[in-house]
Amino acid sequence: MKIITVCGSLKFYKEMMEVTEKMELKGNCMLVPIYNPSKPNKDDFTEEEALMLDKMHKERIKLADAILVVNVDNYIGNSTKSEIEFAKSLNKEILYYTDLF
């Protein structure tokens, strides 16, 4: 079993949840970002809230053995790029949605 943090644009939240289910059914413990349908973009949060969400997501990455980047149509935004770099700095395994499914 691996602990895996899911990373990617929340505009792909549906795909994030689908891949999370598949990965859990393979015996992995999946950590996912919070999602509020009434606030689908980071711009919908105050600056303080957005910073807290980012900090908590980095804590999920620290806890994980790996991250899974949900890169639908090979899209990786700036926030996800920074999460990948953070995970690399911690020597975490990087998995990509497009490579797995």
PDB file of N, CA and C in Angstrom:
ATOM      1  N   MET A   1       0.847  -1.188   0.000  1.00  0.00           N
ATOM      2  CA  MET A   1       0.000   0.000   0.000  1.00  0.00           C
ATOM      3  C   MET A   1       0.883   1.238   0.000  1.00  0.00           C
ATOM      4  N   LYS A   2       0.490   2.196  -0.827  1.00  0.00           N
ATOM      5  CA  LYS A   2       1.147   3.493  -0.855  1.00  0.00           C
ATOM      6  C   LYS A   2       0.150   4.555  -0.408  1.00  0.00           C
ATOM      7  N   ILE A   3       0.685   5.600   0.192  1.00  0.00           N
ATOM      8  CA  ILE A   3      -0.115   6.798   0.461  1.00  0.00           C
ATOM      9  C   ILE A   3       0.197   7.759  -0.669  1.00  0.00           C
ATOM     10  N   ILE A   4      -0.857   8.192  -1.372  1.00  0.00           N
ATOM     11  CA  ILE A   4      -0.691   9.022  -2.563  1.00  0.00           C
ATOM     12  C   ILE A   4      -1.554  10.268  -2.445  1.00  0.00           C
ATOM     13  N   THR A   5      -0.931  11.431  -2.655  1.00  0.00           N
ATOM     14  CA  THR A   5      -1.664  12.696  -2.676  1.00  0.00           C
ATOM     15  C   THR A   5      -2.011  13.041  -4.110  1.00  0.00           C
ATOM     16  N   VAL A   6      -3.270  13.352  -4.343  1.00  0.00           N
ATOM     17  CA  VAL A   6      -3.760  13.714  -5.669  1.00  0.00           C
ATOM     18  C   VAL A   6      -3.541  15.217  -5.887  1.00  0.00           C
ATOM     19  N   CYS A   7      -2.943  15.561  -7.018  1.00  0.00           N
ATOM     20  CA  CYS A   7      -2.676  16.955  -7.374  1.00  0.00           C
ATOM     21  C   CYS A   7      -3.251  17.225  -8.762  1.00  0.00           C
ATOM     22  N   GLY A   8      -3.662  18.455  -8.994  1.00  0.00           N
ATOM     23  CA  GLY A   8      -4.163  18.834 -10.305  1.00  0.00           C
ATOM     24  C   GLY A   8      -5.150  19.973 -10.195  1.00  0.00           C
ATOM     25  N   SER A   9      -5.553  20.463 -11.333  1.00  0.00           N
ATOM     26  CA  SER A   9      -6.518  21.554 -11.387  1.00  0.00           C
ATOM     27  C   SER A   9      -7.884  21.073 -10.918  1.00  0.00           C
ATOM     28  N   LEU A  10      -8.516  21.865 -10.050  1.00  0.00           N
ATOM     29  CA  LEU A  10      -9.849  21.484  -9.570  1.00  0.00           C
ATOM     30  C   LEU A  10     -10.905  21.506 -10.669  1.00  0.00           C
ATOM     31  N   LYS A  11     -10.570  22.069 -11.835  1.00  0.00           N
ATOM     32  CA  LYS A  11     -11.536  21.976 -12.939  1.00  0.00           C
ATOM     33  C   LYS A  11     -11.667  20.532 -13.422  1.00  0.00           C
ATOM     34  N   PHE A  12     -10.718  19.684 -13.006  1.00  0.00           N
ATOM     35  CA  PHE A  12     -10.779  18.262 -13.328  1.00  0.00           C
ATOM     36  C   PHE A  12     -11.162  17.442 -12.101  1.00  0.00           C
ATOM     37  N   TYR A  13     -11.956  18.013 -11.208  1.00  0.00           N
ATOM     38  CA  TYR A  13     -12.293  17.331  -9.966  1.00  0.00           C
ATOM     39  C   TYR A  13     -13.006  16.001 -10.212  1.00  0.00           C
ATOM     40  N   LYS A  14     -13.870  15.962 -11.211  1.00  0.00           N
ATOM     41  CA  LYS A  14     -14.563  14.707 -11.526  1.00  0.00           C
ATOM     42  C   LYS A  14     -13.551  13.609 -11.855  1.00  0.00           C
ATOM     43  N   GLU A  15     -12.583  13.932 -12.695  1.00  0.00           N
ATOM     44  CA  GLU A  15     -11.550  12.962 -13.056  1.00  0.00           C
ATOM     45  C   GLU A  15     -10.695  12.604 -11.838  1.00  0.00           C
ATOM     46  N   MET A  16     -10.437  13.600 -10.979  1.00  0.00           N
ATOM     47  CA  MET A  16      -9.658  13.344  -9.768  1.00  0.00           C
ATOM     48  C   MET A  16     -10.356  12.300  -8.890  1.00  0.00           C
ATOM     49  N   MET A  17     -11.666  12.425  -8.759  1.00  0.00           N
ATOM     50  CA  MET A  17     -12.405  11.489  -7.924  1.00  0.00           C
ATOM     51  C   MET A  17     -12.482  10.103  -8.567  1.00  0.00           C
ATOM     52  N   GLU A  18     -12.599  10.053  -9.886  1.00  0.00           N
ATOM     53  CA  GLU A  18     -12.634   8.766 -10.581  1.00  0.00           C
ATOM     54  C   GLU A  18     -11.310   8.022 -10.423  1.00  0.00           C
ATOM     55  N   VAL A  19     -10.198   8.718 -10.615  1.00  0.00           N
ATOM     56  CA  VAL A  19      -8.888   8.076 -10.501  1.00  0.00           C
ATOM     57  C   VAL A  19      -8.591   7.737  -9.044  1.00  0.00           C
ATOM     58  N   THR A  20      -9.065   8.555  -8.109  1.00  0.00           N
ATOM     59  CA  THR A  20      -8.889   8.262  -6.688  1.00  0.00           C
ATOM     60  C   THR A  20      -9.568   6.947  -6.331  1.00  0.00           C
ATOM     61  N   GLU A  21     -10.787   6.765  -6.822  1.00  0.00           N
ATOM     62  CA  GLU A  21     -11.502   5.510  -6.552  1.00  0.00           C
ATOM     63  C   GLU A  21     -10.737   4.321  -7.126  1.00  0.00           C
ATOM     64  N   LYS A  22     -10.282   4.445  -8.375  1.00  0.00           N
ATOM     65  CA  LYS A  22      -9.544   3.338  -9.002  1.00  0.00           C
ATOM     66  C   LYS A  22      -8.278   3.000  -8.219  1.00  0.00           C
ATOM     67  N   MET A  23      -7.575   4.036  -7.781  1.00  0.00           N
ATOM     68  CA  MET A  23      -6.331   3.810  -7.048  1.00  0.00           C
ATOM     69  C   MET A  23      -6.596   3.218  -5.660  1.00  0.00           C
ATOM     70  N   GLU A  24      -7.678   3.639  -5.015  1.00  0.00           N
ATOM     71  CA  GLU A  24      -8.019   3.052  -3.714  1.00  0.00           C
ATOM     72  C   GLU A  24      -8.404   1.588  -3.861  1.00  0.00           C
ATOM     73  N   LEU A  25      -9.115   1.251  -4.936  1.00  0.00           N
ATOM     74  CA  LEU A  25      -9.502  -0.138  -5.168  1.00  0.00           C
ATOM     75  C   LEU A  25      -8.298  -1.027  -5.484  1.00  0.00           C
ATOM     76  N   LYS A  26      -7.156  -0.397  -5.805  1.00  0.00           N
ATOM     77  CA  LYS A  26      -5.908  -1.145  -5.997  1.00  0.00           C
ATOM     78  C   LYS A  26      -5.119  -1.241  -4.687  1.00  0.00           C
ATOM     79  N   GLY A  27      -5.706  -0.705  -3.593  1.00  0.00           N
ATOM     80  CA  GLY A  27      -5.076  -0.836  -2.284  1.00  0.00           C
ATOM     81  C   GLY A  27      -4.254   0.346  -1.824  1.00  0.00           C
ATOM     82  N   ASN A  28      -4.420   1.502  -2.453  1.00  0.00           N
ATOM     83  CA  ASN A  28      -3.686   2.695  -2.059  1.00  0.00           C
ATOM     84  C   ASN A  28      -4.542   3.583  -1.155  1.00  0.00           C
ATOM     85  N   CYS A  29      -3.879   4.310  -0.277  1.00  0.00           N
ATOM     86  CA  CYS A  29      -4.553   5.305   0.568  1.00  0.00           C
ATOM     87  C   CYS A  29      -4.397   6.651  -0.129  1.00  0.00           C
ATOM     88  N   MET A  30      -5.498   7.243  -0.535  1.00  0.00           N
ATOM     89  CA  MET A  30      -5.468   8.458  -1.344  1.00  0.00           C
ATOM     90  C   MET A  30      -5.824   9.694  -0.513  1.00  0.00           C
ATOM     91  N   LEU A  31      -5.020  10.740  -0.661  1.00  0.00           N
ATOM     92  CA  LEU A  31      -5.266  12.021  -0.015  1.00  0.00           C
ATOM     93  C   LEU A  31      -5.644  13.024  -1.101  1.00  0.00           C
ATOM     94  N   VAL A  32      -6.790  13.665  -0.945  1.00  0.00           N
ATOM     95  CA  VAL A  32      -7.283  14.564  -1.993  1.00  0.00           C
ATOM     96  C   VAL A  32      -7.502  15.972  -1.445  1.00  0.00           C
ATOM     97  N   PRO A  33      -7.398  16.985  -2.327  1.00  0.00           N
ATOM     98  CA  PRO A  33      -7.690  18.351  -1.893  1.00  0.00           C
ATOM     99  C   PRO A  33      -9.183  18.516  -1.618  1.00  0.00           C
ATOM    100  N   ILE A  34      -9.520  19.503  -0.800  1.00  0.00           N
ATOM    101  CA  ILE A  34     -10.932  19.766  -0.555  1.00  0.00           C
ATOM    102  C   ILE A  34     -11.542  20.386  -1.808  1.00  0.00           C
ATOM    103  N   TYR A  35     -12.833  20.234  -1.937  1.00  0.00           N
ATOM    104  CA  TYR A  35     -13.524  20.816  -3.090  1.00  0.00           C
ATOM    105  C   TYR A  35     -14.897  21.267  -2.639  1.00  0.00           C
ATOM    106  N   ASN A  36     -15.206  22.489  -2.949  1.00  0.00           N
ATOM    107  CA  ASN A  36     -16.515  23.058  -2.643  1.00  0.00           C
ATOM    108  C   ASN A  36     -17.101  23.526  -3.967  1.00  0.00           C
ATOM    109  N   PRO A  37     -18.140  22.885  -4.468  1.00  0.00           N
ATOM    110  CA  PRO A  37     -18.690  23.255  -5.776  1.00  0.00           C
ATOM    111  C   PRO A  37     -19.085  24.729  -5.891  1.00  0.00           C
ATOM    112  N   SER A  38     -19.388  25.368  -4.763  1.00  0.00           N
ATOM    113  CA  SER A  38     -19.732  26.790  -4.837  1.00  0.00           C
ATOM    114  C   SER A  38     -18.488  27.665  -4.941  1.00  0.00           C
ATOM    115  N   LYS A  39     -17.307  27.065  -4.764  1.00  0.00           N
ATOM    116  CA  LYS A  39     -16.028  27.778  -4.884  1.00  0.00           C
ATOM    117  C   LYS A  39     -15.062  26.927  -5.715  1.00  0.00           C
ATOM    118  N   PRO A  40     -15.318  26.794  -7.017  1.00  0.00           N
ATOM    119  CA  PRO A  40     -14.504  25.891  -7.826  1.00  0.00           C
ATOM    120  C   PRO A  40     -13.114  26.411  -8.182  1.00  0.00           C
ATOM    121  N   ASN A  41     -12.841  27.689  -7.944  1.00  0.00           N
ATOM    122  CA  ASN A  41     -11.539  28.259  -8.299  1.00  0.00           C
ATOM    123  C   ASN A  41     -10.872  28.848  -7.075  1.00  0.00           C
ATOM    124  N   LYS A  42      -9.535  28.901  -7.102  1.00  0.00           N
ATOM    125  CA  LYS A  42      -8.809  29.521  -5.991  1.00  0.00           C
ATOM    126  C   LYS A  42      -9.215  30.976  -5.809  1.00  0.00           C
ATOM    127  N   ASP A  43      -9.618  31.625  -6.895  1.00  0.00           N
ATOM    128  CA  ASP A  43     -10.025  33.033  -6.827  1.00  0.00           C
ATOM    129  C   ASP A  43     -11.280  33.222  -5.987  1.00  0.00           C
ATOM    130  N   ASP A  44     -12.005  32.151  -5.722  1.00  0.00           N
ATOM    131  CA  ASP A  44     -13.231  32.226  -4.924  1.00  0.00           C
ATOM    132  C   ASP A  44     -12.947  32.269  -3.421  1.00  0.00           C
ATOM    133  N   PHE A  45     -11.668  32.104  -3.048  1.00  0.00           N
ATOM    134  CA  PHE A  45     -11.280  32.138  -1.645  1.00  0.00           C
ATOM    135  C   PHE A  45     -10.545  33.441  -1.345  1.00  0.00           C
ATOM    136  N   THR A  46     -10.567  33.851  -0.094  1.00  0.00           N
ATOM    137  CA  THR A  46      -9.759  35.004   0.288  1.00  0.00           C
ATOM    138  C   THR A  46      -8.296  34.618   0.139  1.00  0.00           C
ATOM    139  N   GLU A  47      -7.433  35.605   0.127  1.00  0.00           N
ATOM    140  CA  GLU A  47      -5.997  35.327   0.008  1.00  0.00           C
ATOM    141  C   GLU A  47      -5.531  34.468   1.185  1.00  0.00           C
ATOM    142  N   GLU A  48      -6.020  34.781   2.369  1.00  0.00           N
ATOM    143  CA  GLU A  48      -5.663  34.013   3.561  1.00  0.00           C
ATOM    144  C   GLU A  48      -6.134  32.562   3.451  1.00  0.00           C
ATOM    145  N   GLU A  49      -7.375  32.371   2.973  1.00  0.00           N
ATOM    146  CA  GLU A  49      -7.906  31.012   2.804  1.00  0.00           C
ATOM    147  C   GLU A  49      -7.103  30.234   1.763  1.00  0.00           C
ATOM    148  N   ALA A  50      -6.778  30.891   0.647  1.00  0.00           N
ATOM    149  CA  ALA A  50      -6.017  30.231  -0.416  1.00  0.00           C
ATOM    150  C   ALA A  50      -4.639  29.805   0.085  1.00  0.00           C
ATOM    151  N   LEU A  51      -4.002  30.661   0.884  1.00  0.00           N
ATOM    152  CA  LEU A  51      -2.692  30.311   1.449  1.00  0.00           C
ATOM    153  C   LEU A  51      -2.804  29.124   2.400  1.00  0.00           C
ATOM    154  N   MET A  52      -3.864  29.104   3.202  1.00  0.00           N
ATOM    155  CA  MET A  52      -4.069  27.987   4.131  1.00  0.00           C
ATOM    156  C   MET A  52      -4.314  26.688   3.362  1.00  0.00           C
ATOM    157  N   LEU A  53      -5.134  26.745   2.312  1.00  0.00           N
ATOM    158  CA  LEU A  53      -5.396  25.548   1.509  1.00  0.00           C
ATOM    159  C   LEU A  53      -4.110  25.029   0.870  1.00  0.00           C
ATOM    160  N   ASP A  54      -3.290  25.951   0.375  1.00  0.00           N
ATOM    161  CA  ASP A  54      -2.015  25.567  -0.229  1.00  0.00           C
ATOM    162  C   ASP A  54      -1.106  24.915   0.815  1.00  0.00           C
ATOM    163  N   LYS A  55      -1.049  25.502   1.992  1.00  0.00           N
ATOM    164  CA  LYS A  55      -0.227  24.946   3.077  1.00  0.00           C
ATOM    165  C   LYS A  55      -0.692  23.540   3.452  1.00  0.00           C
ATOM    166  N   MET A  56      -2.007  23.358   3.557  1.00  0.00           N
ATOM    167  CA  MET A  56      -2.534  22.043   3.933  1.00  0.00           C
ATOM    168  C   MET A  56      -2.278  21.003   2.842  1.00  0.00           C
ATOM    169  N   HIS A  57      -2.326  21.447   1.590  1.00  0.00           N
ATOM    170  CA  HIS A  57      -2.055  20.500   0.504  1.00  0.00           C
ATOM    171  C   HIS A  57      -0.588  20.066   0.533  1.00  0.00           C
ATOM    172  N   LYS A  58       0.297  20.999   0.848  1.00  0.00           N
ATOM    173  CA  LYS A  58       1.713  20.637   0.969  1.00  0.00           C
ATOM    174  C   LYS A  58       1.918  19.658   2.127  1.00  0.00           C
ATOM    175  N   GLU A  59       1.137  19.792   3.180  1.00  0.00           N
ATOM    176  CA  GLU A  59       1.216  18.831   4.286  1.00  0.00           C
ATOM    177  C   GLU A  59       0.784  17.444   3.812  1.00  0.00           C
ATOM    178  N   ARG A  60      -0.237  17.387   2.940  1.00  0.00           N
ATOM    179  CA  ARG A  60      -0.653  16.091   2.377  1.00  0.00           C
ATOM    180  C   ARG A  60       0.497  15.477   1.574  1.00  0.00           C
ATOM    181  N   ILE A  61       1.199  16.319   0.820  1.00  0.00           N
ATOM    182  CA  ILE A  61       2.327  15.837   0.019  1.00  0.00           C
ATOM    183  C   ILE A  61       3.421  15.303   0.934  1.00  0.00           C
ATOM    184  N   LYS A  62       3.684  15.990   2.034  1.00  0.00           N
ATOM    185  CA  LYS A  62       4.703  15.517   2.990  1.00  0.00           C
ATOM    186  C   LYS A  62       4.347  14.147   3.554  1.00  0.00           C
ATOM    187  N   LEU A  63       3.066  13.925   3.817  1.00  0.00           N
ATOM    188  CA  LEU A  63       2.613  12.657   4.388  1.00  0.00           C
ATOM    189  C   LEU A  63       2.693  11.495   3.398  1.00  0.00           C
ATOM    190  N   ALA A  64       2.669  11.799   2.119  1.00  0.00           N
ATOM    191  CA  ALA A  64       2.524  10.784   1.078  1.00  0.00           C
ATOM    192  C   ALA A  64       3.845  10.141   0.677  1.00  0.00           C
ATOM    193  N   ASP A  65       3.710   8.936   0.103  1.00  0.00           N
ATOM    194  CA  ASP A  65       4.845   8.270  -0.536  1.00  0.00           C
ATOM    195  C   ASP A  65       5.037   8.794  -1.955  1.00  0.00           C
ATOM    196  N   ALA A  66       3.926   9.260  -2.547  1.00  0.00           N
ATOM    197  CA  ALA A  66       3.938   9.693  -3.947  1.00  0.00           C
ATOM    198  C   ALA A  66       2.832  10.722  -4.163  1.00  0.00           C
ATOM    199  N   ILE A  67       2.930  11.425  -5.292  1.00  0.00           N
ATOM    200  CA  ILE A  67       1.808  12.250  -5.729  1.00  0.00           C
ATOM    201  C   ILE A  67       1.314  11.716  -7.061  1.00  0.00           C
ATOM    202  N   LEU A  68       0.030  11.896  -7.293  1.00  0.00           N
ATOM    203  CA  LEU A  68      -0.581  11.536  -8.572  1.00  0.00           C
ATOM    204  C   LEU A  68      -1.078  12.822  -9.203  1.00  0.00           C
ATOM    205  N   VAL A  69      -0.465  13.191 -10.319  1.00  0.00           N
ATOM    206  CA  VAL A  69      -0.826  14.412 -11.030  1.00  0.00           C
ATOM    207  C   VAL A  69      -1.927  14.073 -12.026  1.00  0.00           C
ATOM    208  N   VAL A  70      -3.100  14.664 -11.827  1.00  0.00           N
ATOM    209  CA  VAL A  70      -4.211  14.458 -12.754  1.00  0.00           C
ATOM    210  C   VAL A  70      -4.067  15.510 -13.851  1.00  0.00           C
ATOM    211  N   ASN A  71      -3.400  15.098 -14.923  1.00  0.00           N
ATOM    212  CA  ASN A  71      -3.063  15.987 -16.033  1.00  0.00           C
ATOM    213  C   ASN A  71      -3.913  15.650 -17.259  1.00  0.00           C
ATOM    214  N   VAL A  72      -5.205  15.920 -17.155  1.00  0.00           N
ATOM    215  CA  VAL A  72      -6.138  15.654 -18.247  1.00  0.00           C
ATOM    216  C   VAL A  72      -5.696  16.464 -19.469  1.00  0.00           C
ATOM    217  N   ASP A  73      -5.645  15.820 -20.631  1.00  0.00           N
ATOM    218  CA  ASP A  73      -5.171  16.447 -21.869  1.00  0.00           C
ATOM    219  C   ASP A  73      -3.790  17.075 -21.683  1.00  0.00           C
ATOM    220  N   ASN A  74      -2.980  16.473 -20.787  1.00  0.00           N
ATOM    221  CA  ASN A  74      -1.629  16.942 -20.467  1.00  0.00           C
ATOM    222  C   ASN A  74      -1.584  18.348 -19.876  1.00  0.00           C
ATOM    223  N   TYR A  75      -2.702  18.833 -19.334  1.00  0.00           N
ATOM    224  CA  TYR A  75      -2.732  20.163 -18.721  1.00  0.00           C
ATOM    225  C   TYR A  75      -2.160  20.096 -17.304  1.00  0.00           C
ATOM    226  N   ILE A  76      -1.161  20.942 -17.056  1.00  0.00           N
ATOM    227  CA  ILE A  76      -0.596  21.108 -15.719  1.00  0.00           C
ATOM    228  C   ILE A  76      -0.461  22.611 -15.485  1.00  0.00           C
ATOM    229  N   GLY A  77      -1.254  23.135 -14.547  1.00  0.00           N
ATOM    230  CA  GLY A  77      -1.225  24.563 -14.237  1.00  0.00           C
ATOM    231  C   GLY A  77      -0.072  24.928 -13.321  1.00  0.00           C
ATOM    232  N   ASN A  78       0.062  26.220 -13.060  1.00  0.00           N
ATOM    233  CA  ASN A  78       1.179  26.714 -12.250  1.00  0.00           C
ATOM    234  C   ASN A  78       1.178  26.156 -10.829  1.00  0.00           C
ATOM    235  N   SER A  79       0.017  26.073 -10.193  1.00  0.00           N
ATOM    236  CA  SER A  79      -0.042  25.538  -8.826  1.00  0.00           C
ATOM    237  C   SER A  79       0.409  24.084  -8.802  1.00  0.00           C
ATOM    238  N   THR A  80      -0.057  23.327  -9.777  1.00  0.00           N
ATOM    239  CA  THR A  80       0.323  21.912  -9.839  1.00  0.00           C
ATOM    240  C   THR A  80       1.810  21.771 -10.137  1.00  0.00           C
ATOM    241  N   LYS A  81       2.336  22.631 -11.001  1.00  0.00           N
ATOM    242  CA  LYS A  81       3.784  22.599 -11.272  1.00  0.00           C
ATOM    243  C   LYS A  81       4.569  22.823  -9.986  1.00  0.00           C
ATOM    244  N   SER A  82       4.116  23.764  -9.150  1.00  0.00           N
ATOM    245  CA  SER A  82       4.828  24.018  -7.896  1.00  0.00           C
ATOM    246  C   SER A  82       4.692  22.828  -6.946  1.00  0.00           C
ATOM    247  N   GLU A  83       3.553  22.141  -6.968  1.00  0.00           N
ATOM    248  CA  GLU A  83       3.368  20.947  -6.138  1.00  0.00           C
ATOM    249  C   GLU A  83       4.300  19.829  -6.597  1.00  0.00           C
ATOM    250  N   ILE A  84       4.472  19.689  -7.903  1.00  0.00           N
ATOM    251  CA  ILE A  84       5.398  18.681  -8.442  1.00  0.00           C
ATOM    252  C   ILE A  84       6.817  18.991  -7.975  1.00  0.00           C
ATOM    253  N   GLU A  85       7.234  20.251  -8.077  1.00  0.00           N
ATOM    254  CA  GLU A  85       8.573  20.633  -7.647  1.00  0.00           C
ATOM    255  C   GLU A  85       8.759  20.408  -6.149  1.00  0.00           C
ATOM    256  N   PHE A  86       7.729  20.708  -5.361  1.00  0.00           N
ATOM    257  CA  PHE A  86       7.787  20.475  -3.925  1.00  0.00           C
ATOM    258  C   PHE A  86       7.951  18.986  -3.639  1.00  0.00           C
ATOM    259  N   ALA A  87       7.162  18.163  -4.319  1.00  0.00           N
ATOM    260  CA  ALA A  87       7.256  16.705  -4.128  1.00  0.00           C
ATOM    261  C   ALA A  87       8.636  16.195  -4.533  1.00  0.00           C
ATOM    262  N   LYS A  88       9.173  16.712  -5.627  1.00  0.00           N
ATOM    263  CA  LYS A  88      10.515  16.304  -6.065  1.00  0.00           C
ATOM    264  C   LYS A  88      11.556  16.673  -5.009  1.00  0.00           C
ATOM    265  N   SER A  89      11.393  17.860  -4.404  1.00  0.00           N
ATOM    266  CA  SER A  89      12.365  18.297  -3.386  1.00  0.00           C
ATOM    267  C   SER A  89      12.352  17.371  -2.171  1.00  0.00           C
ATOM    268  N   LEU A  90      11.247  16.648  -1.971  1.00  0.00           N
ATOM    269  CA  LEU A  90      11.120  15.693  -0.875  1.00  0.00           C
ATOM    270  C   LEU A  90      11.387  14.255  -1.323  1.00  0.00           C
ATOM    271  N   ASN A  91      11.836  14.104  -2.574  1.00  0.00           N
ATOM    272  CA  ASN A  91      12.127  12.785  -3.158  1.00  0.00           C
ATOM    273  C   ASN A  91      10.911  11.875  -3.198  1.00  0.00           C
ATOM    274  N   LYS A  92       9.735  12.463  -3.474  1.00  0.00           N
ATOM    275  CA  LYS A  92       8.499  11.683  -3.596  1.00  0.00           C
ATOM    276  C   LYS A  92       8.395  11.139  -5.018  1.00  0.00           C
ATOM    277  N   GLU A  93       7.765   9.997  -5.147  1.00  0.00           N
ATOM    278  CA  GLU A  93       7.488   9.437  -6.467  1.00  0.00           C
ATOM    279  C   GLU A  93       6.414  10.302  -7.140  1.00  0.00           C
ATOM    280  N   ILE A  94       6.577  10.556  -8.439  1.00  0.00           N
ATOM    281  CA  ILE A  94       5.610  11.356  -9.192  1.00  0.00           C
ATOM    282  C   ILE A  94       4.928  10.445 -10.203  1.00  0.00           C
ATOM    283  N   LEU A  95       3.608  10.307 -10.085  1.00  0.00           N
ATOM    284  CA  LEU A  95       2.808   9.514 -11.019  1.00  0.00           C
ATOM    285  C   LEU A  95       1.941  10.479 -11.826  1.00  0.00           C
ATOM    286  N   TYR A  96       1.709  10.140 -13.080  1.00  0.00           N
ATOM    287  CA  TYR A  96       0.873  10.979 -13.939  1.00  0.00           C
ATOM    288  C   TYR A  96      -0.342  10.194 -14.423  1.00  0.00           C
ATOM    289  N   TYR A  97      -1.493  10.814 -14.313  1.00  0.00           N
ATOM    290  CA  TYR A  97      -2.775  10.258 -14.761  1.00  0.00           C
ATOM    291  C   TYR A  97      -2.671   9.721 -16.172  1.00  0.00           C
ATOM    292  N   THR A  98      -2.058  10.526 -17.072  1.00  0.00           N
ATOM    293  CA  THR A  98      -1.996  10.121 -18.491  1.00  0.00           C
ATOM    294  C   THR A  98      -1.116   8.887 -18.692  1.00  0.00           C
ATOM    295  N   ASP A  99      -0.233   8.597 -17.754  1.00  0.00           N
ATOM    296  CA  ASP A  99       0.620   7.404 -17.866  1.00  0.00           C
ATOM    297  C   ASP A  99      -0.086   6.162 -17.302  1.00  0.00           C
ATOM    298  N   LEU A 100      -1.040   6.362 -16.400  1.00  0.00           N
ATOM    299  CA  LEU A 100      -1.684   5.237 -15.718  1.00  0.00           C
ATOM    300  C   LEU A 100      -2.978   4.796 -16.370  1.00  0.00           C
ATOM    301  N   PHE A 101      -3.716   5.737 -16.958  1.00  0.00           N
ATOM    302  CA  PHE A 101      -5.061   5.415 -17.451  1.00  0.00           C
ATOM    303  C   PHE A 101      -5.246   5.831 -18.884  1.00  0.00           C
TER     304      PHE A 101
END
